[in-house]
Amino acid sequence: MKNTGKRVLALLMMALLLVIPMSGCSTTKLDNPSQKQEKSDDWMEKESKEEDQEEEKESSDADEYLDVESADDENVDYSKYEEKKETQKNQNSTIGGVTYSDGTDQENDKYDTQPVPEGQQKPVEPGSVEINKNKEYTCYLSVSCSTILDNMENLTEGKESLVPKDGVIYSEREVTFYEGESVFDVLQREMKNNRIHMESSFTPKYNSAYVEGINNLYEFDCGRWSGWMYEVNGWYPNYGCSRYVVQPGDVIKWNYTCDLGRDLGQTWPE
């Protein structure tokens, strides 16, 4: 019995020794992960906030460039985008000091006409203006091929005799025209009245007559960039001659170019 009591006491002592270190280890192991968990949560919360801010920024950027016309959500208020679009439209219409040939903010009109410089006459469509023969006015007209004189080596063989010594085919003079007539109408009548050869064709793409040859001098007769161009009051219009309505006192010049207008001092926007 005495031995049994000692044996029980020894077992209790051993159990007590085992419980104490296990309890201590358990406390240490739970403490550190708890601290790490708190730090981990802080970091995740911070990262989450940064991601939310980034998404908010991206959403804002997306709104800035939202295409109103292609948007599908009808519940969104797009008024500010329409206002911005209208403002941009107004700014674009004045960039470079130009107005547009058909009164819109498109770069070219339906006949591929580029913007008309501010202050210059806009084109009209043939047949849209009534010619009034009860109202006569005067303008000035001339026809010259003087640029060929500096490029005779490029002239089509056999056409040398068609080039006047001074390059003037039709010297500048005052001519009569009717209200509503175009530059083409004036040239055609004057060439016929003075028995000077002239040939033209109509180009549907540009909705205008195109002068191919005058005095039997045609496009490409003096190089690949040669042909006839017209000038009104010092400006070479960027549309066809039958779309330009003549005004009283206009000075109209038909000039032959051997270099796409560059030899006439004309450069075209790219």
C-alpha atoms as a PDB file:
ATOM      1  CA  MET A   1       0.000   0.000   0.000  1.00  0.00           C
ATOM      2  CA  LYS A   2       2.811   2.326   0.869  1.00  0.00           C
ATOM      3  CA  ASN A   3       4.538   1.478  -2.378  1.00  0.00           C
ATOM      4  CA  THR A   4       1.317   2.101  -4.260  1.00  0.00           C
ATOM      5  CA  GLY A   5       0.986   5.582  -2.744  1.00  0.00           C
ATOM      6  CA  LYS A   6       4.525   6.449  -3.749  1.00  0.00           C
ATOM      7  CA  ARG A   7       3.847   5.205  -7.233  1.00  0.00           C
ATOM      8  CA  VAL A   8       0.708   7.385  -7.565  1.00  0.00           C
ATOM      9  CA  LEU A   9       2.560  10.416  -6.219  1.00  0.00           C
ATOM     10  CA  ALA A  10       5.367   9.918  -8.727  1.00  0.00           C
ATOM     11  CA  LEU A  11       2.886   9.705 -11.613  1.00  0.00           C
ATOM     12  CA  LEU A  12       1.178  12.906 -10.477  1.00  0.00           C
ATOM     13  CA  MET A  13       4.538  14.713 -10.312  1.00  0.00           C
ATOM     14  CA  MET A  14       5.453  13.547 -13.824  1.00  0.00           C
ATOM     15  CA  ALA A  15       2.073  14.666 -15.190  1.00  0.00           C
ATOM     16  CA  LEU A  16       2.490  18.062 -13.567  1.00  0.00           C
ATOM     17  CA  LEU A  17       5.955  18.472 -15.094  1.00  0.00           C
ATOM     18  CA  LEU A  18       4.570  17.672 -18.548  1.00  0.00           C
ATOM     19  CA  VAL A  19       1.571  20.008 -18.289  1.00  0.00           C
ATOM     20  CA  ILE A  20       3.582  23.121 -17.274  1.00  0.00           C
ATOM     21  CA  PRO A  21       5.941  23.315 -20.334  1.00  0.00           C
ATOM     22  CA  MET A  22       3.136  22.428 -22.729  1.00  0.00           C
ATOM     23  CA  SER A  23       1.055  25.214 -21.331  1.00  0.00           C
ATOM     24  CA  GLY A  24       3.960  27.637 -21.707  1.00  0.00           C
ATOM     25  CA  CYS A  25       4.660  26.612 -25.285  1.00  0.00           C
ATOM     26  CA  SER A  26       1.028  26.938 -26.147  1.00  0.00           C
ATOM     27  CA  THR A  27       0.981  30.516 -24.918  1.00  0.00           C
ATOM     28  CA  THR A  28       4.080  31.457 -26.936  1.00  0.00           C
ATOM     29  CA  LYS A  29       2.849  29.893 -30.133  1.00  0.00           C
ATOM     30  CA  LEU A  30      -0.498  31.607 -29.956  1.00  0.00           C
ATOM     31  CA  ASP A  31       0.991  34.993 -29.110  1.00  0.00           C
ATOM     32  CA  ASN A  32       3.275  35.389 -32.158  1.00  0.00           C
ATOM     33  CA  PRO A  33       0.764  34.295 -34.809  1.00  0.00           C
ATOM     34  CA  SER A  34      -1.720  36.691 -33.274  1.00  0.00           C
ATOM     35  CA  GLN A  35       0.738  39.557 -33.677  1.00  0.00           C
ATOM     36  CA  LYS A  36       1.586  38.518 -37.199  1.00  0.00           C
ATOM     37  CA  GLN A  37      -2.085  38.207 -38.046  1.00  0.00           C
ATOM     38  CA  GLU A  38      -2.718  41.728 -36.851  1.00  0.00           C
ATOM     39  CA  LYS A  39       0.176  43.046 -38.971  1.00  0.00           C
ATOM     40  CA  SER A  40      -0.985  40.991 -41.937  1.00  0.00           C
ATOM     41  CA  ASP A  41      -4.478  42.403 -41.657  1.00  0.00           C
ATOM     42  CA  ASP A  42      -3.087  45.944 -41.532  1.00  0.00           C
ATOM     43  CA  TRP A  43      -1.058  45.349 -44.684  1.00  0.00           C
ATOM     44  CA  MET A  44      -3.998  43.765 -46.518  1.00  0.00           C
ATOM     45  CA  GLU A  45      -6.241  46.645 -45.508  1.00  0.00           C
ATOM     46  CA  LYS A  46      -3.682  49.162 -46.776  1.00  0.00           C
ATOM     47  CA  GLU A  47      -3.255  47.262 -50.033  1.00  0.00           C
ATOM     48  CA  SER A  48      -7.018  47.056 -50.458  1.00  0.00           C
ATOM     49  CA  LYS A  49      -7.311  50.827 -50.033  1.00  0.00           C
ATOM     50  CA  GLU A  50      -4.592  51.408 -52.640  1.00  0.00           C
ATOM     51  CA  GLU A  51      -6.346  49.064 -55.073  1.00  0.00           C
ATOM     52  CA  ASP A  52      -9.649  50.870 -54.517  1.00  0.00           C
ATOM     53  CA  GLN A  53      -7.963  54.212 -55.154  1.00  0.00           C
ATOM     54  CA  GLU A  54      -6.365  52.869 -58.349  1.00  0.00           C
ATOM     55  CA  GLU A  55      -9.675  51.482 -59.565  1.00  0.00           C
ATOM     56  CA  GLU A  56     -11.355  54.798 -58.789  1.00  0.00           C
ATOM     57  CA  LYS A  57      -8.682  56.616 -60.782  1.00  0.00           C
ATOM     58  CA  GLU A  58      -9.042  54.233 -63.723  1.00  0.00           C
ATOM     59  CA  SER A  59     -12.789  54.665 -63.602  1.00  0.00           C
ATOM     60  CA  SER A  60     -12.331  58.432 -63.637  1.00  0.00           C
ATOM     61  CA  ASP A  61      -9.964  58.203 -66.604  1.00  0.00           C
ATOM     62  CA  ALA A  62     -12.426  56.000 -68.426  1.00  0.00           C
ATOM     63  CA  ASP A  63     -15.164  58.557 -67.847  1.00  0.00           C
ATOM     64  CA  GLU A  64     -12.908  61.277 -69.208  1.00  0.00           C
ATOM     65  CA  TYR A  65     -12.644  59.504 -72.563  1.00  0.00           C
ATOM     66  CA  LEU A  66     -16.114  57.987 -72.618  1.00  0.00           C
ATOM     67  CA  ASP A  67     -17.585  57.800 -76.090  1.00  0.00           C
ATOM     68  CA  VAL A  68     -21.090  59.133 -75.549  1.00  0.00           C
ATOM     69  CA  GLU A  69     -22.448  57.896 -78.840  1.00  0.00           C
ATOM     70  CA  SER A  70     -21.401  54.291 -78.279  1.00  0.00           C
ATOM     71  CA  ALA A  71     -22.397  54.049 -74.584  1.00  0.00           C
ATOM     72  CA  ASP A  72     -25.120  51.516 -73.769  1.00  0.00           C
ATOM     73  CA  ASP A  73     -26.193  52.571 -70.255  1.00  0.00           C
ATOM     74  CA  GLU A  74     -29.178  54.853 -70.724  1.00  0.00           C
ATOM     75  CA  ASN A  75     -29.383  55.643 -67.007  1.00  0.00           C
ATOM     76  CA  VAL A  76     -26.069  57.509 -66.932  1.00  0.00           C
ATOM     77  CA  ASP A  77     -26.074  61.304 -67.157  1.00  0.00           C
ATOM     78  CA  TYR A  78     -23.934  62.152 -70.153  1.00  0.00           C
ATOM     79  CA  SER A  79     -24.708  65.862 -70.263  1.00  0.00           C
ATOM     80  CA  LYS A  80     -21.202  66.887 -69.163  1.00  0.00           C
ATOM     81  CA  TYR A  81     -19.667  64.799 -71.935  1.00  0.00           C
ATOM     82  CA  GLU A  82     -21.981  66.312 -74.519  1.00  0.00           C
ATOM     83  CA  GLU A  83     -20.997  69.765 -73.259  1.00  0.00           C
ATOM     84  CA  LYS A  84     -17.321  68.871 -73.516  1.00  0.00           C
ATOM     85  CA  LYS A  85     -17.836  67.448 -76.986  1.00  0.00           C
ATOM     86  CA  GLU A  86     -19.595  70.621 -78.127  1.00  0.00           C
ATOM     87  CA  THR A  87     -16.792  72.761 -76.699  1.00  0.00           C
ATOM     88  CA  GLN A  88     -14.186  70.663 -78.512  1.00  0.00           C
ATOM     89  CA  LYS A  89     -16.195  70.942 -81.716  1.00  0.00           C
ATOM     90  CA  ASN A  90     -16.242  74.733 -81.487  1.00  0.00           C
ATOM     91  CA  GLN A  91     -12.502  74.803 -80.806  1.00  0.00           C
ATOM     92  CA  ASN A  92     -11.758  72.536 -83.764  1.00  0.00           C
ATOM     93  CA  SER A  93     -13.812  74.658 -86.123  1.00  0.00           C
ATOM     94  CA  THR A  94     -11.526  77.655 -85.548  1.00  0.00           C
ATOM     95  CA  ILE A  95      -8.144  75.932 -85.469  1.00  0.00           C
ATOM     96  CA  GLY A  96      -5.905  77.250 -88.241  1.00  0.00           C
ATOM     97  CA  GLY A  97      -8.303  80.071 -89.072  1.00  0.00           C
ATOM     98  CA  VAL A  98     -10.473  78.018 -91.413  1.00  0.00           C
ATOM     99  CA  THR A  99     -14.135  77.542 -92.015  1.00  0.00           C
ATOM    100  CA  TYR A 100     -15.513  74.417 -93.588  1.00  0.00           C
ATOM    101  CA  SER A 101     -16.762  74.099 -97.119  1.00  0.00           C
ATOM    102  CA  ASP A 102     -20.157  72.696 -96.199  1.00  0.00           C
ATOM    103  CA  GLY A 103     -20.582  74.499 -92.879  1.00  0.00           C
ATOM    104  CA  THR A 104     -19.845  71.458 -90.725  1.00  0.00           C
ATOM    105  CA  ASP A 105     -16.889  70.423 -88.597  1.00  0.00           C
ATOM    106  CA  GLN A 106     -15.895  67.646 -90.997  1.00  0.00           C
ATOM    107  CA  GLU A 107     -12.402  67.784 -92.458  1.00  0.00           C
ATOM    108  CA  ASN A 108     -13.643  67.342 -96.035  1.00  0.00           C
ATOM    109  CA  ASP A 109     -17.099  67.759 -97.503  1.00  0.00           C
ATOM    110  CA  LYS A 110     -18.841  65.014 -99.469  1.00  0.00           C
ATOM    111  CA  TYR A 111     -16.911  66.012-102.601  1.00  0.00           C
ATOM    112  CA  ASP A 112     -13.572  65.674-100.807  1.00  0.00           C
ATOM    113  CA  THR A 113     -13.143  69.445-100.530  1.00  0.00           C
ATOM    114  CA  GLN A 114     -10.716  70.448 -97.790  1.00  0.00           C
ATOM    115  CA  PRO A 115     -11.438  73.346 -95.409  1.00  0.00           C
ATOM    116  CA  VAL A 116     -11.678  76.723 -97.123  1.00  0.00           C
ATOM    117  CA  PRO A 117      -9.428  79.451 -95.668  1.00  0.00           C
ATOM    118  CA  GLU A 118     -11.264  82.070 -93.663  1.00  0.00           C
ATOM    119  CA  GLY A 119     -12.402  84.987 -95.782  1.00  0.00           C
ATOM    120  CA  GLN A 120     -12.414  83.013 -99.032  1.00  0.00           C
ATOM    121  CA  GLN A 121     -15.533  82.117-100.952  1.00  0.00           C
ATOM    122  CA  LYS A 122     -17.153  78.776-100.231  1.00  0.00           C
ATOM    123  CA  PRO A 123     -18.067  76.472-103.113  1.00  0.00           C
ATOM    124  CA  VAL A 124     -21.583  76.015-104.419  1.00  0.00           C
ATOM    125  CA  GLU A 125     -22.968  73.090-106.355  1.00  0.00           C
ATOM    126  CA  PRO A 126     -23.526  73.473-110.119  1.00  0.00           C
ATOM    127  CA  GLY A 127     -27.183  74.063-110.856  1.00  0.00           C
ATOM    128  CA  SER A 128     -27.988  75.188-107.315  1.00  0.00           C
ATOM    129  CA  VAL A 129     -27.598  78.875-108.270  1.00  0.00           C
ATOM    130  CA  GLU A 130     -29.898  80.355-110.855  1.00  0.00           C
ATOM    131  CA  ILE A 131     -28.191  82.352-113.595  1.00  0.00           C
ATOM    132  CA  ASN A 132     -29.906  85.700-114.030  1.00  0.00           C
ATOM    133  CA  LYS A 133     -29.204  87.113-117.499  1.00  0.00           C
ATOM    134  CA  ASN A 134     -31.013  90.296-116.584  1.00  0.00           C
ATOM    135  CA  LYS A 135     -28.113  91.235-114.329  1.00  0.00           C
ATOM    136  CA  GLU A 136     -24.744  91.793-115.976  1.00  0.00           C
ATOM    137  CA  TYR A 137     -21.472  92.494-114.224  1.00  0.00           C
ATOM    138  CA  THR A 138     -17.830  92.596-115.190  1.00  0.00           C
ATOM    139  CA  CYS A 139     -14.711  90.752-114.065  1.00  0.00           C
ATOM    140  CA  TYR A 140     -11.198  90.255-115.434  1.00  0.00           C
ATOM    141  CA  LEU A 141      -9.881  87.167-117.224  1.00  0.00           C
ATOM    142  CA  SER A 142      -6.498  86.022-118.554  1.00  0.00           C
ATOM    143  CA  VAL A 143      -4.910  82.739-119.729  1.00  0.00           C
ATOM    144  CA  SER A 144      -1.161  82.075-119.582  1.00  0.00           C
ATOM    145  CA  CYS A 145       1.243  79.165-120.125  1.00  0.00           C
ATOM    146  CA  SER A 146       4.452  81.090-119.360  1.00  0.00           C
ATOM    147  CA  THR A 147       5.761  78.349-117.044  1.00  0.00           C
ATOM    148  CA  ILE A 148       6.281  76.142-120.104  1.00  0.00           C
ATOM    149  CA  LEU A 149       8.925  78.576-121.375  1.00  0.00           C
ATOM    150  CA  ASP A 150      11.242  77.389-118.590  1.00  0.00           C
ATOM    151  CA  ASN A 151      10.449  73.740-119.269  1.00  0.00           C
ATOM    152  CA  MET A 152      10.484  73.436-123.041  1.00  0.00           C
ATOM    153  CA  GLU A 153      12.638  70.302-122.826  1.00  0.00           C
ATOM    154  CA  ASN A 154       9.713  68.531-121.163  1.00  0.00           C
ATOM    155  CA  LEU A 155       7.062  69.693-123.624  1.00  0.00           C
ATOM    156  CA  THR A 156       5.359  67.089-125.798  1.00  0.00           C
ATOM    157  CA  GLU A 157       7.161  66.956-129.122  1.00  0.00           C
ATOM    158  CA  GLY A 158       5.448  68.924-131.865  1.00  0.00           C
ATOM    159  CA  LYS A 159       3.665  71.375-129.557  1.00  0.00           C
ATOM    160  CA  GLU A 160       6.368  74.029-129.439  1.00  0.00           C
ATOM    161  CA  SER A 161       4.468  76.250-131.876  1.00  0.00           C
ATOM    162  CA  LEU A 162       1.434  76.336-129.553  1.00  0.00           C
ATOM    163  CA  VAL A 163       3.374  78.207-126.875  1.00  0.00           C
ATOM    164  CA  PRO A 164       3.360  82.011-127.455  1.00  0.00           C
ATOM    165  CA  LYS A 165       6.727  83.729-127.146  1.00  0.00           C
ATOM    166  CA  ASP A 166       5.578  85.558-124.022  1.00  0.00           C
ATOM    167  CA  GLY A 167       3.481  82.652-122.802  1.00  0.00           C
ATOM    168  CA  VAL A 168       0.234  84.677-122.942  1.00  0.00           C
ATOM    169  CA  ILE A 169      -2.641  82.910-124.674  1.00  0.00           C
ATOM    170  CA  TYR A 170      -5.351  85.371-123.645  1.00  0.00           C
ATOM    171  CA  SER A 171      -4.233  88.709-122.264  1.00  0.00           C
ATOM    172  CA  GLU A 172      -6.040  90.098-119.250  1.00  0.00           C
ATOM    173  CA  ARG A 173      -9.156  92.026-120.155  1.00  0.00           C
ATOM    174  CA  GLU A 174     -12.472  93.063-118.706  1.00  0.00           C
ATOM    175  CA  VAL A 175     -15.283  90.673-119.598  1.00  0.00           C
ATOM    176  CA  THR A 176     -19.003  90.518-118.929  1.00  0.00           C
ATOM    177  CA  PHE A 177     -20.735  87.801-116.927  1.00  0.00           C
ATOM    178  CA  TYR A 178     -24.216  87.144-115.623  1.00  0.00           C
ATOM    179  CA  GLU A 179     -25.216  86.897-111.996  1.00  0.00           C
ATOM    180  CA  GLY A 180     -24.773  83.330-110.757  1.00  0.00           C
ATOM    181  CA  GLU A 181     -22.225  82.244-113.383  1.00  0.00           C
ATOM    182  CA  SER A 182     -19.158  80.245-112.409  1.00  0.00           C
ATOM    183  CA  VAL A 183     -15.494  80.659-113.313  1.00  0.00           C
ATOM    184  CA  PHE A 184     -15.972  77.783-115.752  1.00  0.00           C
ATOM    185  CA  ASP A 185     -18.899  79.545-117.471  1.00  0.00           C
ATOM    186  CA  VAL A 186     -16.827  82.685-118.018  1.00  0.00           C
ATOM    187  CA  LEU A 187     -13.814  80.803-119.406  1.00  0.00           C
ATOM    188  CA  GLN A 188     -15.906  78.635-121.709  1.00  0.00           C
ATOM    189  CA  ARG A 189     -17.740  81.596-123.250  1.00  0.00           C
ATOM    190  CA  GLU A 190     -14.646  83.741-123.711  1.00  0.00           C
ATOM    191  CA  MET A 191     -12.610  80.930-125.288  1.00  0.00           C
ATOM    192  CA  LYS A 192     -15.466  80.213-127.699  1.00  0.00           C
ATOM    193  CA  ASN A 193     -15.956  83.894-128.579  1.00  0.00           C
ATOM    194  CA  ASN A 194     -12.221  84.282-129.285  1.00  0.00           C
ATOM    195  CA  ARG A 195     -11.917  80.971-131.139  1.00  0.00           C
ATOM    196  CA  ILE A 196      -9.395  79.552-128.713  1.00  0.00           C
ATOM    197  CA  HIS A 197      -9.456  75.797-128.329  1.00  0.00           C
ATOM    198  CA  MET A 198     -10.707  74.480-124.987  1.00  0.00           C
ATOM    199  CA  GLU A 199     -11.618  70.987-123.792  1.00  0.00           C
ATOM    200  CA  SER A 200     -13.149  69.971-120.485  1.00  0.00           C
ATOM    201  CA  SER A 201     -14.882  67.104-118.724  1.00  0.00           C
ATOM    202  CA  PHE A 202     -17.126  66.694-115.713  1.00  0.00           C
ATOM    203  CA  THR A 203     -15.786  64.882-112.653  1.00  0.00           C
ATOM    204  CA  PRO A 204     -18.648  63.463-110.523  1.00  0.00           C
ATOM    205  CA  LYS A 205     -16.319  62.739-107.592  1.00  0.00           C
ATOM    206  CA  TYR A 206     -15.614  66.460-107.201  1.00  0.00           C
ATOM    207  CA  ASN A 207     -18.947  67.575-108.695  1.00  0.00           C
ATOM    208  CA  SER A 208     -17.199  70.007-110.988  1.00  0.00           C
ATOM    209  CA  ALA A 209     -16.000  70.610-114.500  1.00  0.00           C
ATOM    210  CA  TYR A 210     -12.315  69.981-115.114  1.00  0.00           C
ATOM    211  CA  VAL A 211     -10.380  71.886-117.770  1.00  0.00           C
ATOM    212  CA  GLU A 212      -8.198  69.365-119.591  1.00  0.00           C
ATOM    213  CA  GLY A 213      -6.717  71.606-122.273  1.00  0.00           C
ATOM    214  CA  ILE A 214      -6.588  75.178-123.553  1.00  0.00           C
ATOM    215  CA  ASN A 215      -5.040  76.156-126.903  1.00  0.00           C
ATOM    216  CA  ASN A 216      -4.325  72.416-127.420  1.00  0.00           C
ATOM    217  CA  LEU A 217      -2.027  72.358-124.411  1.00  0.00           C
ATOM    218  CA  TYR A 218      -3.208  69.552-122.145  1.00  0.00           C
ATOM    219  CA  GLU A 219      -2.441  68.155-118.741  1.00  0.00           C
ATOM    220  CA  PHE A 220       0.788  66.091-118.739  1.00  0.00           C
ATOM    221  CA  ASP A 221       1.991  67.873-121.898  1.00  0.00           C
ATOM    222  CA  CYS A 222       4.920  69.308-119.948  1.00  0.00           C
ATOM    223  CA  GLY A 223       5.689  66.674-117.341  1.00  0.00           C
ATOM    224  CA  ARG A 224       3.794  64.391-114.970  1.00  0.00           C
ATOM    225  CA  TRP A 225       2.775  67.304-112.701  1.00  0.00           C
ATOM    226  CA  SER A 226       1.586  69.648-115.448  1.00  0.00           C
ATOM    227  CA  GLY A 227      -1.914  70.957-116.130  1.00  0.00           C
ATOM    228  CA  TRP A 228      -4.253  73.934-115.827  1.00  0.00           C
ATOM    229  CA  MET A 229      -5.066  75.756-112.592  1.00  0.00           C
ATOM    230  CA  TYR A 230      -7.276  78.753-111.917  1.00  0.00           C
ATOM    231  CA  GLU A 231      -6.697  81.669-109.573  1.00  0.00           C
ATOM    232  CA  VAL A 232      -9.217  84.204-108.269  1.00  0.00           C
ATOM    233  CA  ASN A 233      -8.006  87.412-106.659  1.00  0.00           C
ATOM    234  CA  GLY A 234      -4.608  85.878-105.894  1.00  0.00           C
ATOM    235  CA  TRP A 235      -5.985  82.642-104.387  1.00  0.00           C
ATOM    236  CA  TYR A 236      -5.988  79.185-105.947  1.00  0.00           C
ATOM    237  CA  PRO A 237      -9.288  77.630-104.783  1.00  0.00           C
ATOM    238  CA  ASN A 238      -9.163  74.051-103.537  1.00  0.00           C
ATOM    239  CA  TYR A 239     -12.313  73.086-105.419  1.00  0.00           C
ATOM    240  CA  GLY A 240     -13.459  72.884-109.035  1.00  0.00           C
ATOM    241  CA  CYS A 241     -13.978  75.897-111.288  1.00  0.00           C
ATOM    242  CA  SER A 242     -17.709  75.265-111.846  1.00  0.00           C
ATOM    243  CA  ARG A 243     -18.285  75.480-108.061  1.00  0.00           C
ATOM    244  CA  TYR A 244     -16.848  79.000-107.818  1.00  0.00           C
ATOM    245  CA  VAL A 245     -19.504  81.687-108.422  1.00  0.00           C
ATOM    246  CA  VAL A 246     -17.985  84.836-109.933  1.00  0.00           C
ATOM    247  CA  GLN A 247     -18.389  88.149-108.103  1.00  0.00           C
ATOM    248  CA  PRO A 248     -18.237  91.645-109.665  1.00  0.00           C
ATOM    249  CA  GLY A 249     -14.626  92.787-110.080  1.00  0.00           C
ATOM    250  CA  ASP A 250     -13.063  89.330-109.604  1.00  0.00           C
ATOM    251  CA  VAL A 251      -9.664  88.868-111.243  1.00  0.00           C
ATOM    252  CA  ILE A 252      -9.588  85.372-112.761  1.00  0.00           C
ATOM    253  CA  LYS A 253      -6.354  83.880-114.076  1.00  0.00           C
ATOM    254  CA  TRP A 254      -5.910  80.507-115.751  1.00  0.00           C
ATOM    255  CA  ASN A 255      -2.288  79.426-115.491  1.00  0.00           C
ATOM    256  CA  TYR A 256      -0.494  76.351-116.748  1.00  0.00           C
ATOM    257  CA  THR A 257       1.704  74.645-114.171  1.00  0.00           C
ATOM    258  CA  CYS A 258       4.583  72.266-114.806  1.00  0.00           C
ATOM    259  CA  ASP A 259       5.059  71.368-111.137  1.00  0.00           C
ATOM    260  CA  LEU A 260       1.675  70.926-109.440  1.00  0.00           C
ATOM    261  CA  GLY A 261       1.417  74.657-108.774  1.00  0.00           C
ATOM    262  CA  ARG A 262       4.770  75.072-107.066  1.00  0.00           C
ATOM    263  CA  ASP A 263       6.123  77.002-110.059  1.00  0.00           C
ATOM    264  CA  LEU A 264       3.167  79.360-109.594  1.00  0.00           C
ATOM    265  CA  GLY A 265       3.977  79.954-105.935  1.00  0.00           C
ATOM    266  CA  GLN A 266       1.212  77.629-104.764  1.00  0.00           C
ATOM    267  CA  THR A 267       1.680  74.975-102.089  1.00  0.00           C
ATOM    268  CA  TRP A 268      -1.002  72.594-100.906  1.00  0.00           C
ATOM    269  CA  PRO A 269      -1.575  71.496 -97.286  1.00  0.00           C
ATOM    270  CA  GLU A 270      -0.550  67.895 -96.592  1.00  0.00           C
END
